[in-house]
Amino acid sequence: MQERAGAGDPFGALGDSNRRTIVAMLAQGPHSVQEIADQLPISRPAVSRHLRLLREAGLVTVEPKGTRRLYQLDELGAGAVRAFLEAVWGEATARFTLAAENTRSEDPESD
């Protein structure tokens, strides 16, 4: 996966369950820090720190809307993670299929 300049590791950022929950929330649409904090058992400052790490990893963007700042998924960052996983998973699936097709069962009842 090609990293964007200055971006942190998106897989490292997704290693925390609170950050994964935040990403899942943002997949439903933009949210403010307070909206996110209201759904998590952590403080608003902790949510802000998690959002900063997600931004540095290229997974989240922020947009000022009046006095609020709305966070949303960064399509480029999320797309890069998805493409990487699909490429790796696709190769693993192809190898598994090939192995399964070329492996004969030792069980005489399965023939």
C-alpha atoms as a PDB file:
ATOM      1  CA  MET A   1       0.000   0.000   0.000  1.00  0.00           C
ATOM      2  CA  GLN A   2       1.403   3.356  -0.970  1.00  0.00           C
ATOM      3  CA  GLU A   3       1.557   5.811   1.937  1.00  0.00           C
ATOM      4  CA  ARG A   4       0.646   9.443   1.504  1.00  0.00           C
ATOM      5  CA  ALA A   5       3.217  12.014   2.535  1.00  0.00           C
ATOM      6  CA  GLY A   6       3.063  12.706   6.257  1.00  0.00           C
ATOM      7  CA  ALA A   7       0.437  10.069   6.881  1.00  0.00           C
ATOM      8  CA  GLY A   8       0.761   7.630   9.764  1.00  0.00           C
ATOM      9  CA  ASP A   9       0.096   3.922   9.530  1.00  0.00           C
ATOM     10  CA  PRO A  10      -3.623   3.310   8.940  1.00  0.00           C
ATOM     11  CA  PHE A  11      -3.377  -0.276  10.201  1.00  0.00           C
ATOM     12  CA  GLY A  12      -1.711   0.933  13.386  1.00  0.00           C
ATOM     13  CA  ALA A  13      -4.465   3.508  13.813  1.00  0.00           C
ATOM     14  CA  LEU A  14      -7.105   0.799  13.406  1.00  0.00           C
ATOM     15  CA  GLY A  15      -5.452  -1.318  16.108  1.00  0.00           C
ATOM     16  CA  ASP A  16      -7.471   0.402  18.832  1.00  0.00           C
ATOM     17  CA  SER A  17     -11.094  -0.682  19.372  1.00  0.00           C
ATOM     18  CA  ASN A  18     -12.268   2.894  20.093  1.00  0.00           C
ATOM     19  CA  ARG A  19     -10.780   4.098  16.807  1.00  0.00           C
ATOM     20  CA  ARG A  20     -12.432   1.220  14.939  1.00  0.00           C
ATOM     21  CA  THR A  21     -15.751   2.227  16.525  1.00  0.00           C
ATOM     22  CA  ILE A  22     -15.187   5.836  15.474  1.00  0.00           C
ATOM     23  CA  VAL A  23     -14.427   4.746  11.894  1.00  0.00           C
ATOM     24  CA  ALA A  24     -17.613   2.646  11.865  1.00  0.00           C
ATOM     25  CA  MET A  25     -19.602   5.664  13.075  1.00  0.00           C
ATOM     26  CA  LEU A  26     -18.063   7.917  10.433  1.00  0.00           C
ATOM     27  CA  ALA A  27     -18.902   5.344   7.757  1.00  0.00           C
ATOM     28  CA  GLN A  28     -22.534   6.296   8.451  1.00  0.00           C
ATOM     29  CA  GLY A  29     -21.824   9.998   7.857  1.00  0.00           C
ATOM     30  CA  PRO A  30     -20.083  13.050   9.348  1.00  0.00           C
ATOM     31  CA  HIS A  31     -20.103  13.505  13.133  1.00  0.00           C
ATOM     32  CA  SER A  32     -18.863  16.109  15.585  1.00  0.00           C
ATOM     33  CA  VAL A  33     -16.530  15.237  18.451  1.00  0.00           C
ATOM     34  CA  GLN A  34     -19.435  15.558  20.895  1.00  0.00           C
ATOM     35  CA  GLU A  35     -21.671  13.249  18.842  1.00  0.00           C
ATOM     36  CA  ILE A  36     -18.913  10.643  18.830  1.00  0.00           C
ATOM     37  CA  ALA A  37     -18.142  11.093  22.540  1.00  0.00           C
ATOM     38  CA  ASP A  38     -21.827  10.628  23.392  1.00  0.00           C
ATOM     39  CA  GLN A  39     -21.652   7.114  21.890  1.00  0.00           C
ATOM     40  CA  LEU A  40     -18.390   6.000  23.518  1.00  0.00           C
ATOM     41  CA  PRO A  41     -17.355   5.287  27.125  1.00  0.00           C
ATOM     42  CA  ILE A  42     -14.433   7.730  26.831  1.00  0.00           C
ATOM     43  CA  SER A  43     -14.046  11.468  27.367  1.00  0.00           C
ATOM     44  CA  ARG A  44     -14.372  14.117  24.698  1.00  0.00           C
ATOM     45  CA  PRO A  45     -10.617  14.936  24.901  1.00  0.00           C
ATOM     46  CA  ALA A  46      -9.866  11.223  24.371  1.00  0.00           C
ATOM     47  CA  VAL A  47     -12.123  11.214  21.292  1.00  0.00           C
ATOM     48  CA  SER A  48     -10.233  14.255  19.973  1.00  0.00           C
ATOM     49  CA  ARG A  49      -6.908  12.416  20.407  1.00  0.00           C
ATOM     50  CA  HIS A  50      -8.277   9.362  18.568  1.00  0.00           C
ATOM     51  CA  LEU A  51      -9.553  11.572  15.742  1.00  0.00           C
ATOM     52  CA  ARG A  52      -6.144  13.265  15.477  1.00  0.00           C
ATOM     53  CA  LEU A  53      -4.452   9.862  15.092  1.00  0.00           C
ATOM     54  CA  LEU A  54      -7.018   8.807  12.486  1.00  0.00           C
ATOM     55  CA  ARG A  55      -6.410  12.076  10.603  1.00  0.00           C
ATOM     56  CA  GLU A  56      -2.635  11.553  10.710  1.00  0.00           C
ATOM     57  CA  ALA A  57      -3.172   8.043   9.326  1.00  0.00           C
ATOM     58  CA  GLY A  58      -5.141   9.477   6.404  1.00  0.00           C
ATOM     59  CA  LEU A  59      -8.421   7.841   7.396  1.00  0.00           C
ATOM     60  CA  VAL A  60     -10.404  10.889   8.545  1.00  0.00           C
ATOM     61  CA  THR A  61     -10.868  14.470   7.400  1.00  0.00           C
ATOM     62  CA  VAL A  62     -12.318  17.424   9.293  1.00  0.00           C
ATOM     63  CA  GLU A  63     -14.462  20.242   7.949  1.00  0.00           C
ATOM     64  CA  PRO A  64     -15.458  23.369   9.874  1.00  0.00           C
ATOM     65  CA  LYS A  65     -19.228  23.979   9.854  1.00  0.00           C
ATOM     66  CA  GLY A  66     -19.991  27.160  11.749  1.00  0.00           C
ATOM     67  CA  THR A  67     -18.777  26.659  15.302  1.00  0.00           C
ATOM     68  CA  ARG A  68     -18.553  22.878  14.898  1.00  0.00           C
ATOM     69  CA  ARG A  69     -15.964  20.682  13.261  1.00  0.00           C
ATOM     70  CA  LEU A  70     -17.401  17.685  11.456  1.00  0.00           C
ATOM     71  CA  TYR A  71     -15.284  14.585  10.970  1.00  0.00           C
ATOM     72  CA  GLN A  72     -15.798  12.155   8.131  1.00  0.00           C
ATOM     73  CA  LEU A  73     -13.979   9.280   6.482  1.00  0.00           C
ATOM     74  CA  ASP A  74     -11.288  10.246   4.017  1.00  0.00           C
ATOM     75  CA  GLU A  75     -12.282   8.399   0.845  1.00  0.00           C
ATOM     76  CA  LEU A  76      -8.690   8.224  -0.401  1.00  0.00           C
ATOM     77  CA  GLY A  77      -7.301   6.770   2.815  1.00  0.00           C
ATOM     78  CA  ALA A  78     -10.150   4.323   3.374  1.00  0.00           C
ATOM     79  CA  GLY A  79     -10.001   3.309  -0.292  1.00  0.00           C
ATOM     80  CA  ALA A  80      -6.265   2.627  -0.078  1.00  0.00           C
ATOM     81  CA  VAL A  81      -6.760   0.367   2.953  1.00  0.00           C
ATOM     82  CA  ARG A  82      -9.583  -1.468   1.201  1.00  0.00           C
ATOM     83  CA  ALA A  83      -7.570  -1.927  -2.011  1.00  0.00           C
ATOM     84  CA  PHE A  84      -4.631  -3.308  -0.032  1.00  0.00           C
ATOM     85  CA  LEU A  85      -6.815  -5.797   1.840  1.00  0.00           C
ATOM     86  CA  GLU A  86      -8.622  -6.861  -1.330  1.00  0.00           C
ATOM     87  CA  ALA A  87      -5.323  -7.430  -3.121  1.00  0.00           C
ATOM     88  CA  VAL A  88      -3.884  -9.501  -0.265  1.00  0.00           C
ATOM     89  CA  TRP A  89      -7.124 -11.388   0.385  1.00  0.00           C
ATOM     90  CA  GLY A  90      -7.652 -12.002  -3.339  1.00  0.00           C
ATOM     91  CA  GLU A  91      -4.208 -13.567  -3.663  1.00  0.00           C
ATOM     92  CA  ALA A  92      -4.777 -15.734  -0.581  1.00  0.00           C
ATOM     93  CA  THR A  93      -8.160 -16.855  -1.896  1.00  0.00           C
ATOM     94  CA  ALA A  94      -6.666 -17.765  -5.278  1.00  0.00           C
ATOM     95  CA  ARG A  95      -3.915 -19.818  -3.596  1.00  0.00           C
ATOM     96  CA  PHE A  96      -6.441 -21.574  -1.371  1.00  0.00           C
ATOM     97  CA  THR A  97      -8.684 -22.388  -4.349  1.00  0.00           C
ATOM     98  CA  LEU A  98      -5.738 -23.758  -6.315  1.00  0.00           C
ATOM     99  CA  ALA A  99      -4.624 -25.898  -3.365  1.00  0.00           C
ATOM    100  CA  ALA A 100      -8.172 -27.176  -2.811  1.00  0.00           C
ATOM    101  CA  GLU A 101      -8.600 -28.076  -6.471  1.00  0.00           C
ATOM    102  CA  ASN A 102      -5.286 -29.942  -6.542  1.00  0.00           C
ATOM    103  CA  THR A 103      -5.675 -31.795  -3.263  1.00  0.00           C
ATOM    104  CA  ARG A 104      -7.451 -35.117  -3.350  1.00  0.00           C
ATOM    105  CA  SER A 105      -9.299 -36.223  -0.266  1.00  0.00           C
ATOM    106  CA  GLU A 106      -7.858 -39.197   1.621  1.00  0.00           C
ATOM    107  CA  ASP A 107     -11.386 -40.125   2.817  1.00  0.00           C
ATOM    108  CA  PRO A 108     -12.751 -42.956   0.590  1.00  0.00           C
ATOM    109  CA  GLU A 109     -16.353 -41.989   1.456  1.00  0.00           C
ATOM    110  CA  SER A 110     -15.924 -38.529  -0.078  1.00  0.00           C
ATOM    111  CA  ASP A 111     -15.120 -39.871  -3.593  1.00  0.00           C
END
